[in-house]
């Protein structure tokens, strides 16, 4: 891997980490692109090329992952969880949750109880893997780009 590619990857990982830390906050693409020292358009294109999804979709998936945990482990209302993970509309939350997980938040809660002693295999099994109706692995850096080349 060239030095330029390593630098690009490092900067994109830094921006993705910033998104992970502030997933419940509104996404400001300009600020996140600034973390990577890119323009907004270049950041969105580069992020999608490397991670296989846009920054907005990545943030939605992270929010849904967090909401899945809260639905399993707490008795809080779906509305409270929706707003706590950063969605501003219950309708958008429910639609996005259904697109990613394949069931509504209420049905997910009813069918999935708290985890007992979570480990890496359980966490991988509960991570949503559907993006825009297409099955996609979304775990490792650059994985989606490598699969697209096959």
N, C-alpha and C. Protein backbone atom coordinates (compact mmCIF):
# COMPACT_ATOMS: atom_id res chain seq x y z
N UNK A 1 0.85 -1.17 0.00
CA UNK A 1 0.00 0.00 0.00
C UNK A 1 0.89 1.23 0.00
N UNK A 2 0.53 2.17 -0.83
CA UNK A 2 1.35 3.37 -0.95
C UNK A 2 1.16 4.28 0.27
N UNK A 3 2.09 5.16 0.42
CA UNK A 3 2.04 6.12 1.54
C UNK A 3 0.81 7.02 1.43
N UNK A 4 0.45 7.39 0.20
CA UNK A 4 -0.73 8.24 -0.01
C UNK A 4 -2.01 7.51 0.40
N UNK A 5 -2.11 6.23 0.04
CA UNK A 5 -3.28 5.44 0.41
C UNK A 5 -3.36 5.28 1.93
N UNK A 6 -2.22 5.06 2.57
CA UNK A 6 -2.20 4.96 4.03
C UNK A 6 -2.67 6.25 4.69
N UNK A 7 -2.23 7.37 4.14
CA UNK A 7 -2.63 8.67 4.69
C UNK A 7 -4.14 8.88 4.51
N UNK A 8 -4.65 8.55 3.33
CA UNK A 8 -6.09 8.65 3.07
C UNK A 8 -6.87 7.78 4.05
N UNK A 9 -6.45 6.54 4.20
CA UNK A 9 -7.14 5.62 5.12
C UNK A 9 -7.10 6.12 6.56
N UNK A 10 -5.97 6.62 6.98
CA UNK A 10 -5.82 7.12 8.36
C UNK A 10 -6.77 8.30 8.60
N UNK A 11 -6.83 9.20 7.63
CA UNK A 11 -7.70 10.37 7.79
C UNK A 11 -9.18 9.97 7.79
N UNK A 12 -9.54 9.03 6.94
CA UNK A 12 -10.93 8.57 6.92
C UNK A 12 -11.29 7.82 8.20
N UNK A 13 -10.36 7.04 8.72
CA UNK A 13 -10.61 6.35 10.00
C UNK A 13 -10.77 7.36 11.13
N UNK A 14 -9.99 8.41 11.11
CA UNK A 14 -10.10 9.46 12.13
C UNK A 14 -11.50 10.10 12.07
N UNK A 15 -11.98 10.37 10.86
CA UNK A 15 -13.31 10.96 10.70
C UNK A 15 -14.40 9.98 11.13
N UNK A 16 -14.24 8.69 10.78
CA UNK A 16 -15.23 7.69 11.20
C UNK A 16 -15.25 7.55 12.72
N UNK A 17 -14.10 7.61 13.35
CA UNK A 17 -14.04 7.55 14.82
C UNK A 17 -14.75 8.75 15.44
N UNK A 18 -14.60 9.93 14.83
CA UNK A 18 -15.29 11.12 15.33
C UNK A 18 -16.80 10.93 15.21
N UNK A 19 -17.26 10.31 14.13
CA UNK A 19 -18.69 10.03 13.97
C UNK A 19 -19.16 9.02 15.02
N UNK A 20 -18.33 8.02 15.31
CA UNK A 20 -18.70 7.01 16.32
C UNK A 20 -18.83 7.64 17.70
N UNK A 21 -17.96 8.59 18.01
CA UNK A 21 -18.01 9.23 19.33
C UNK A 21 -19.24 10.11 19.49
N UNK A 22 -19.67 10.73 18.40
CA UNK A 22 -20.77 11.70 18.48
C UNK A 22 -21.99 11.24 17.68
N UNK A 23 -22.27 9.93 17.69
CA UNK A 23 -23.35 9.39 16.86
C UNK A 23 -24.71 9.98 17.19
N UNK A 24 -24.94 10.41 18.42
CA UNK A 24 -26.24 10.92 18.83
C UNK A 24 -26.42 12.40 18.49
N UNK A 25 -25.36 13.04 18.02
CA UNK A 25 -25.43 14.45 17.65
C UNK A 25 -25.82 14.57 16.18
N UNK A 26 -26.36 15.72 15.76
CA UNK A 26 -26.66 15.90 14.33
C UNK A 26 -25.36 15.84 13.51
N UNK A 27 -25.44 15.19 12.35
CA UNK A 27 -24.27 15.06 11.49
C UNK A 27 -24.01 16.37 10.76
N UNK A 28 -22.84 16.91 10.96
CA UNK A 28 -22.40 18.09 10.23
C UNK A 28 -21.27 17.63 9.32
N UNK A 29 -21.62 17.37 8.06
CA UNK A 29 -20.66 16.80 7.12
C UNK A 29 -19.43 17.69 6.99
N UNK A 30 -19.63 18.99 7.02
CA UNK A 30 -18.50 19.91 6.90
C UNK A 30 -17.50 19.70 8.05
N UNK A 31 -18.02 19.55 9.27
CA UNK A 31 -17.13 19.36 10.42
C UNK A 31 -16.42 18.01 10.36
N UNK A 32 -17.15 16.96 9.98
CA UNK A 32 -16.53 15.64 9.90
C UNK A 32 -15.51 15.61 8.77
N UNK A 33 -15.83 16.23 7.65
CA UNK A 33 -14.87 16.32 6.54
C UNK A 33 -13.64 17.10 6.97
N UNK A 34 -13.83 18.09 7.82
CA UNK A 34 -12.71 18.87 8.33
C UNK A 34 -11.76 18.02 9.17
N UNK A 35 -12.31 17.04 9.89
CA UNK A 35 -11.47 16.13 10.68
C UNK A 35 -10.52 15.38 9.74
N UNK A 36 -11.02 15.02 8.56
CA UNK A 36 -10.20 14.29 7.59
C UNK A 36 -9.41 15.23 6.67
N UNK A 37 -9.62 16.54 6.82
CA UNK A 37 -8.96 17.54 5.97
C UNK A 37 -9.34 17.37 4.50
N UNK A 38 -10.65 17.17 4.25
CA UNK A 38 -11.20 17.05 2.91
C UNK A 38 -12.30 18.07 2.71
N UNK A 39 -12.61 18.36 1.45
CA UNK A 39 -13.83 19.11 1.16
C UNK A 39 -15.00 18.15 1.39
N UNK A 40 -16.20 18.71 1.51
CA UNK A 40 -17.38 17.86 1.77
C UNK A 40 -17.57 16.81 0.68
N UNK A 41 -17.56 17.25 -0.57
CA UNK A 41 -17.81 16.33 -1.68
C UNK A 41 -16.73 15.25 -1.77
N UNK A 42 -15.48 15.64 -1.63
CA UNK A 42 -14.39 14.66 -1.70
C UNK A 42 -14.47 13.68 -0.52
N UNK A 43 -14.84 14.17 0.64
CA UNK A 43 -14.99 13.31 1.81
C UNK A 43 -16.08 12.27 1.58
N UNK A 44 -17.23 12.70 1.09
CA UNK A 44 -18.34 11.77 0.87
C UNK A 44 -17.95 10.71 -0.16
N UNK A 45 -17.33 11.13 -1.27
CA UNK A 45 -16.89 10.17 -2.29
C UNK A 45 -15.86 9.20 -1.75
N UNK A 46 -14.86 9.71 -1.05
CA UNK A 46 -13.79 8.86 -0.51
C UNK A 46 -14.33 7.91 0.54
N UNK A 47 -15.19 8.39 1.42
CA UNK A 47 -15.77 7.56 2.47
C UNK A 47 -16.55 6.40 1.84
N UNK A 48 -17.36 6.72 0.84
CA UNK A 48 -18.15 5.68 0.20
C UNK A 48 -17.27 4.66 -0.50
N UNK A 49 -16.21 5.11 -1.14
CA UNK A 49 -15.30 4.20 -1.83
C UNK A 49 -14.62 3.25 -0.84
N UNK A 50 -14.17 3.78 0.27
CA UNK A 50 -13.42 2.97 1.23
C UNK A 50 -14.33 2.10 2.10
N UNK A 51 -15.42 2.65 2.60
CA UNK A 51 -16.27 1.93 3.55
C UNK A 51 -17.52 1.31 2.93
N UNK A 52 -17.82 1.63 1.68
CA UNK A 52 -18.94 1.00 1.01
C UNK A 52 -20.30 1.63 1.28
N UNK A 53 -20.34 2.74 1.99
CA UNK A 53 -21.59 3.45 2.26
C UNK A 53 -21.26 4.92 2.53
N UNK A 54 -22.26 5.76 2.36
CA UNK A 54 -22.05 7.19 2.58
C UNK A 54 -21.91 7.47 4.07
N UNK A 55 -21.33 8.60 4.43
CA UNK A 55 -21.24 8.94 5.86
C UNK A 55 -22.62 8.99 6.53
N UNK A 56 -23.62 9.50 5.83
CA UNK A 56 -24.96 9.57 6.39
C UNK A 56 -25.52 8.18 6.68
N UNK A 57 -25.36 7.25 5.74
CA UNK A 57 -25.86 5.89 5.95
C UNK A 57 -25.08 5.19 7.06
N UNK A 58 -23.78 5.43 7.13
CA UNK A 58 -22.97 4.86 8.20
C UNK A 58 -23.49 5.33 9.55
N UNK A 59 -23.75 6.63 9.66
CA UNK A 59 -24.25 7.19 10.92
C UNK A 59 -25.62 6.61 11.26
N UNK A 60 -26.49 6.45 10.27
CA UNK A 60 -27.79 5.84 10.53
C UNK A 60 -27.63 4.41 11.06
N UNK A 61 -26.74 3.66 10.44
CA UNK A 61 -26.52 2.27 10.88
C UNK A 61 -25.97 2.22 12.30
N UNK A 62 -25.05 3.10 12.63
CA UNK A 62 -24.51 3.14 13.99
C UNK A 62 -25.61 3.47 15.00
N UNK A 63 -26.47 4.41 14.65
CA UNK A 63 -27.58 4.77 15.53
C UNK A 63 -28.53 3.58 15.71
N UNK A 64 -28.79 2.86 14.64
CA UNK A 64 -29.67 1.69 14.74
C UNK A 64 -29.01 0.61 15.59
N UNK A 65 -27.71 0.41 15.43
CA UNK A 65 -27.01 -0.57 16.26
C UNK A 65 -27.16 -0.23 17.74
N UNK A 66 -26.99 1.03 18.08
CA UNK A 66 -27.13 1.45 19.48
C UNK A 66 -28.57 1.27 19.95
N UNK A 67 -29.53 1.60 19.09
CA UNK A 67 -30.93 1.43 19.48
C UNK A 67 -31.27 -0.04 19.66
N UNK A 68 -30.66 -0.93 18.88
CA UNK A 68 -30.89 -2.37 19.06
C UNK A 68 -30.48 -2.79 20.46
N UNK A 69 -29.34 -2.31 20.91
CA UNK A 69 -28.87 -2.62 22.26
C UNK A 69 -29.86 -2.10 23.30
N UNK A 70 -30.27 -0.84 23.15
CA UNK A 70 -31.19 -0.24 24.12
C UNK A 70 -32.54 -0.93 24.13
N UNK A 71 -33.01 -1.36 22.97
CA UNK A 71 -34.29 -2.08 22.91
C UNK A 71 -34.20 -3.43 23.62
N UNK A 72 -33.05 -4.09 23.49
CA UNK A 72 -32.87 -5.40 24.14
C UNK A 72 -32.67 -5.26 25.64
N UNK A 73 -31.90 -4.27 26.05
CA UNK A 73 -31.42 -4.22 27.43
C UNK A 73 -32.19 -3.30 28.36
N UNK A 74 -33.09 -2.47 27.85
CA UNK A 74 -33.82 -1.54 28.71
C UNK A 74 -35.32 -1.66 28.47
N UNK A 75 -36.08 -1.05 29.35
CA UNK A 75 -37.53 -1.01 29.20
C UNK A 75 -38.00 0.37 28.75
N UNK A 76 -37.08 1.20 28.30
CA UNK A 76 -37.44 2.55 27.87
C UNK A 76 -38.30 2.49 26.62
N UNK A 77 -39.10 3.52 26.41
CA UNK A 77 -40.00 3.54 25.26
C UNK A 77 -39.21 3.68 23.96
N UNK A 78 -39.82 3.23 22.88
CA UNK A 78 -39.20 3.34 21.57
C UNK A 78 -38.94 4.81 21.23
N UNK A 79 -39.87 5.68 21.59
CA UNK A 79 -39.70 7.11 21.33
C UNK A 79 -38.48 7.67 22.05
N UNK A 80 -38.32 7.33 23.32
CA UNK A 80 -37.15 7.81 24.07
C UNK A 80 -35.85 7.32 23.44
N UNK A 81 -35.82 6.07 23.06
CA UNK A 81 -34.63 5.50 22.44
C UNK A 81 -34.35 6.19 21.10
N UNK A 82 -35.41 6.43 20.34
CA UNK A 82 -35.28 7.11 19.04
C UNK A 82 -34.55 8.44 19.20
N UNK A 83 -34.98 9.25 20.13
CA UNK A 83 -34.38 10.57 20.31
C UNK A 83 -33.01 10.49 20.97
N UNK A 84 -32.80 9.51 21.84
CA UNK A 84 -31.51 9.37 22.51
C UNK A 84 -30.38 8.98 21.56
N UNK A 85 -30.70 8.22 20.53
CA UNK A 85 -29.65 7.80 19.60
C UNK A 85 -29.42 8.79 18.47
N UNK A 86 -30.22 9.88 18.43
CA UNK A 86 -29.94 10.94 17.48
C UNK A 86 -30.94 11.14 16.36
N UNK A 87 -31.99 10.32 16.30
CA UNK A 87 -33.02 10.56 15.30
C UNK A 87 -33.92 11.68 15.79
N UNK A 88 -34.45 12.47 14.87
CA UNK A 88 -35.31 13.58 15.25
C UNK A 88 -36.78 13.30 14.95
N UNK A 89 -37.06 12.15 14.34
CA UNK A 89 -38.42 11.78 13.99
C UNK A 89 -38.63 10.30 14.25
N UNK A 90 -39.70 9.98 14.94
CA UNK A 90 -40.01 8.57 15.21
C UNK A 90 -40.30 7.82 13.91
N UNK A 91 -40.95 8.48 12.96
CA UNK A 91 -41.23 7.84 11.67
C UNK A 91 -39.96 7.49 10.91
N UNK A 92 -39.02 8.42 10.87
CA UNK A 92 -37.75 8.18 10.20
C UNK A 92 -36.98 7.06 10.91
N UNK A 93 -37.01 7.10 12.24
CA UNK A 93 -36.33 6.04 13.01
C UNK A 93 -36.92 4.67 12.69
N UNK A 94 -38.24 4.56 12.72
CA UNK A 94 -38.89 3.27 12.46
C UNK A 94 -38.62 2.78 11.05
N UNK A 95 -38.70 3.67 10.07
CA UNK A 95 -38.45 3.30 8.67
C UNK A 95 -37.01 2.84 8.49
N UNK A 96 -36.07 3.61 9.03
CA UNK A 96 -34.65 3.28 8.90
C UNK A 96 -34.33 1.98 9.62
N UNK A 97 -34.88 1.81 10.83
CA UNK A 97 -34.67 0.59 11.59
C UNK A 97 -35.17 -0.61 10.79
N UNK A 98 -36.35 -0.50 10.21
CA UNK A 98 -36.92 -1.60 9.43
C UNK A 98 -36.08 -1.90 8.20
N UNK A 99 -35.57 -0.87 7.52
CA UNK A 99 -34.72 -1.07 6.34
C UNK A 99 -33.44 -1.82 6.70
N UNK A 100 -32.86 -1.49 7.83
CA UNK A 100 -31.57 -2.06 8.21
C UNK A 100 -31.71 -3.42 8.88
N UNK A 101 -32.66 -3.54 9.80
CA UNK A 101 -32.80 -4.75 10.61
C UNK A 101 -33.77 -5.75 9.98
N UNK A 102 -34.78 -5.24 9.28
CA UNK A 102 -35.75 -6.13 8.68
C UNK A 102 -37.03 -6.30 9.47
N UNK A 103 -37.13 -5.61 10.60
CA UNK A 103 -38.35 -5.62 11.40
C UNK A 103 -38.46 -4.31 12.15
N UNK A 104 -39.66 -4.03 12.63
CA UNK A 104 -39.88 -2.76 13.34
C UNK A 104 -39.20 -2.81 14.70
N UNK A 105 -38.95 -1.65 15.30
CA UNK A 105 -38.34 -1.64 16.63
C UNK A 105 -39.16 -2.42 17.67
N UNK A 106 -40.48 -2.30 17.62
CA UNK A 106 -41.33 -3.01 18.58
C UNK A 106 -41.24 -4.53 18.40
N UNK A 107 -41.27 -4.98 17.15
CA UNK A 107 -41.13 -6.42 16.90
C UNK A 107 -39.74 -6.92 17.29
N UNK A 108 -38.73 -6.10 17.05
CA UNK A 108 -37.38 -6.48 17.44
C UNK A 108 -37.30 -6.66 18.94
N UNK A 109 -37.86 -5.73 19.69
CA UNK A 109 -37.84 -5.81 21.15
C UNK A 109 -38.56 -7.06 21.63
N UNK A 110 -39.71 -7.35 21.05
CA UNK A 110 -40.50 -8.51 21.48
C UNK A 110 -39.78 -9.82 21.21
N UNK A 111 -38.99 -9.88 20.15
CA UNK A 111 -38.33 -11.13 19.78
C UNK A 111 -36.91 -11.30 20.28
N UNK A 112 -36.36 -10.28 20.92
CA UNK A 112 -34.97 -10.34 21.36
C UNK A 112 -34.86 -9.84 22.79
N UNK A 113 -34.48 -10.73 23.68
CA UNK A 113 -34.29 -10.34 25.07
C UNK A 113 -32.86 -9.90 25.33
N UNK A 114 -32.57 -9.57 26.57
CA UNK A 114 -31.21 -9.16 26.94
C UNK A 114 -30.20 -10.26 26.65
N UNK A 115 -28.99 -9.85 26.31
CA UNK A 115 -27.91 -10.81 26.08
C UNK A 115 -27.34 -11.29 27.41
N UNK A 116 -26.99 -12.53 27.43
CA UNK A 116 -26.33 -13.09 28.60
C UNK A 116 -24.85 -13.22 28.25
N UNK A 117 -24.00 -12.53 29.02
CA UNK A 117 -22.56 -12.57 28.82
C UNK A 117 -22.18 -12.40 27.35
N UNK A 118 -22.33 -11.19 26.81
CA UNK A 118 -22.01 -11.00 25.39
C UNK A 118 -20.55 -11.30 25.09
N UNK A 119 -20.35 -11.89 23.93
CA UNK A 119 -18.99 -12.11 23.46
C UNK A 119 -18.93 -11.73 21.99
N UNK A 120 -17.78 -11.85 21.40
CA UNK A 120 -17.60 -11.37 20.03
C UNK A 120 -18.53 -12.07 19.04
N UNK A 121 -18.82 -13.34 19.23
CA UNK A 121 -19.70 -14.05 18.30
C UNK A 121 -21.13 -13.55 18.41
N UNK A 122 -21.60 -13.29 19.64
CA UNK A 122 -22.95 -12.76 19.80
C UNK A 122 -23.05 -11.36 19.23
N UNK A 123 -22.05 -10.54 19.43
CA UNK A 123 -22.08 -9.19 18.92
C UNK A 123 -22.09 -9.16 17.40
N UNK A 124 -21.31 -10.02 16.78
CA UNK A 124 -21.30 -10.09 15.32
C UNK A 124 -22.66 -10.56 14.81
N UNK A 125 -23.26 -11.53 15.49
CA UNK A 125 -24.55 -12.07 15.06
C UNK A 125 -25.67 -11.06 15.17
N UNK A 126 -25.56 -10.09 16.07
CA UNK A 126 -26.64 -9.12 16.25
C UNK A 126 -26.40 -7.82 15.50
N UNK A 127 -25.30 -7.71 14.80
CA UNK A 127 -25.00 -6.48 14.06
C UNK A 127 -25.77 -6.46 12.76
N UNK A 128 -26.45 -5.35 12.43
CA UNK A 128 -27.19 -5.31 11.17
C UNK A 128 -26.24 -5.35 9.98
N UNK A 129 -26.61 -6.12 8.96
CA UNK A 129 -25.74 -6.28 7.81
C UNK A 129 -26.42 -5.92 6.50
N UNK A 130 -27.57 -5.29 6.54
CA UNK A 130 -28.29 -4.94 5.32
C UNK A 130 -28.20 -3.44 5.12
N UNK A 131 -27.78 -3.04 3.94
CA UNK A 131 -27.71 -1.61 3.61
C UNK A 131 -28.46 -1.39 2.31
N UNK A 132 -29.50 -0.60 2.36
CA UNK A 132 -30.31 -0.25 1.19
C UNK A 132 -30.81 -1.49 0.45
N UNK A 133 -31.18 -2.53 1.21
CA UNK A 133 -31.75 -3.72 0.60
C UNK A 133 -30.75 -4.67 0.00
N UNK A 134 -29.47 -4.39 0.13
CA UNK A 134 -28.43 -5.25 -0.42
C UNK A 134 -27.60 -5.79 0.72
N UNK A 135 -27.46 -7.11 0.79
CA UNK A 135 -26.64 -7.69 1.84
C UNK A 135 -25.21 -7.22 1.66
N UNK A 136 -24.60 -6.76 2.76
CA UNK A 136 -23.26 -6.20 2.67
C UNK A 136 -22.54 -6.39 4.00
N UNK A 137 -21.32 -6.82 3.95
CA UNK A 137 -20.51 -6.89 5.16
C UNK A 137 -20.02 -5.50 5.47
N UNK A 138 -20.13 -5.10 6.73
CA UNK A 138 -19.82 -3.71 7.05
C UNK A 138 -18.89 -3.58 8.24
N UNK A 139 -18.07 -4.57 8.44
CA UNK A 139 -17.29 -4.54 9.66
C UNK A 139 -15.89 -3.97 9.49
N UNK A 140 -15.14 -4.44 8.54
CA UNK A 140 -13.73 -4.08 8.48
C UNK A 140 -13.44 -3.00 7.46
N UNK A 141 -12.38 -2.30 7.71
CA UNK A 141 -11.91 -1.21 6.86
C UNK A 141 -11.62 -1.73 5.46
N UNK A 142 -12.23 -1.11 4.46
CA UNK A 142 -11.93 -1.45 3.08
C UNK A 142 -12.56 -2.74 2.59
N UNK A 143 -13.32 -3.43 3.42
CA UNK A 143 -13.85 -4.73 3.06
C UNK A 143 -14.86 -4.64 1.92
N UNK A 144 -15.72 -3.64 1.96
CA UNK A 144 -16.75 -3.50 0.94
C UNK A 144 -16.11 -3.23 -0.42
N UNK A 145 -15.08 -2.43 -0.44
CA UNK A 145 -14.40 -2.12 -1.70
C UNK A 145 -13.74 -3.37 -2.27
N UNK A 146 -13.18 -4.20 -1.40
CA UNK A 146 -12.53 -5.42 -1.87
C UNK A 146 -13.55 -6.39 -2.42
N UNK A 147 -14.75 -6.49 -1.79
CA UNK A 147 -15.78 -7.38 -2.28
C UNK A 147 -16.34 -6.92 -3.61
N UNK A 148 -16.43 -5.61 -3.81
CA UNK A 148 -16.96 -5.07 -5.05
C UNK A 148 -16.03 -5.40 -6.22
N UNK A 149 -14.74 -5.55 -5.94
CA UNK A 149 -13.77 -5.84 -6.99
C UNK A 149 -13.86 -7.30 -7.44
N UNK A 150 -14.47 -8.17 -6.64
CA UNK A 150 -14.57 -9.58 -7.00
C UNK A 150 -15.52 -9.86 -8.09
